[in-house]
Amino acid sequence: MKSFLKILSGVIVISIIFSLLFNMGFVKDNHFNIITISTVMIGFLFTTLSILLAFLNENVIQYLENANCLENIYKNIINGIIIGICSVFISLMNLILCGKIITNLSIIKFLYSMEIALLFVNIFILFIAVLDCKNLIDSIRADRKKKAEKENANNDMSLKFNKINL
């Protein structure tokens, strides 16, 4: 929860900076596009999580799990999913409320900025999750390669030993 609060406070700071520096008028016509991008990224993060769960039986993953190395990876993915849901919520809220119920231009600009900031943070978290998943897959492949080499060496030694005894 602590890491999520850090991310959320970062999103608020980024939103303030965006609302002060950039014209956010383009967001008004792109809520559905932002919702689509956010939901696709949520799906990718869920897929990454299921890939990690499928690898839990691997020795390398069990070692990393026992060493508590996977905790940060899980937290990043879960935070990304939550940020993505927040992005969809803010986009829907902006679509429904801005200009109709919320008429203060400064608040609208801040909410539009928050929508974009959440999207950028979610893209960044997805990037980190993909890198983490790549590293885990590389570790699993290296472990399998090592096991195959060991098995081949044992088979070779067994064949040589059997030839000597015949």
Foldseek 3Di string as FASTA:
>chain_A
DVVLVVLVVVLLVQLVVCLVPHDLVVLLVCLVVLLVLLVVLLVLLVVLVVVLVVCCVFPVNVVCVVVVVCVVLVVLSVSLNVLSVVLNVLSVCLNPCDPPPDDPPSVNSSSSSSSVSSSVVSVVSSVVNVVVSVVVVVVRVVVVVVVVVVVVVVVVVVVVVVVVVD
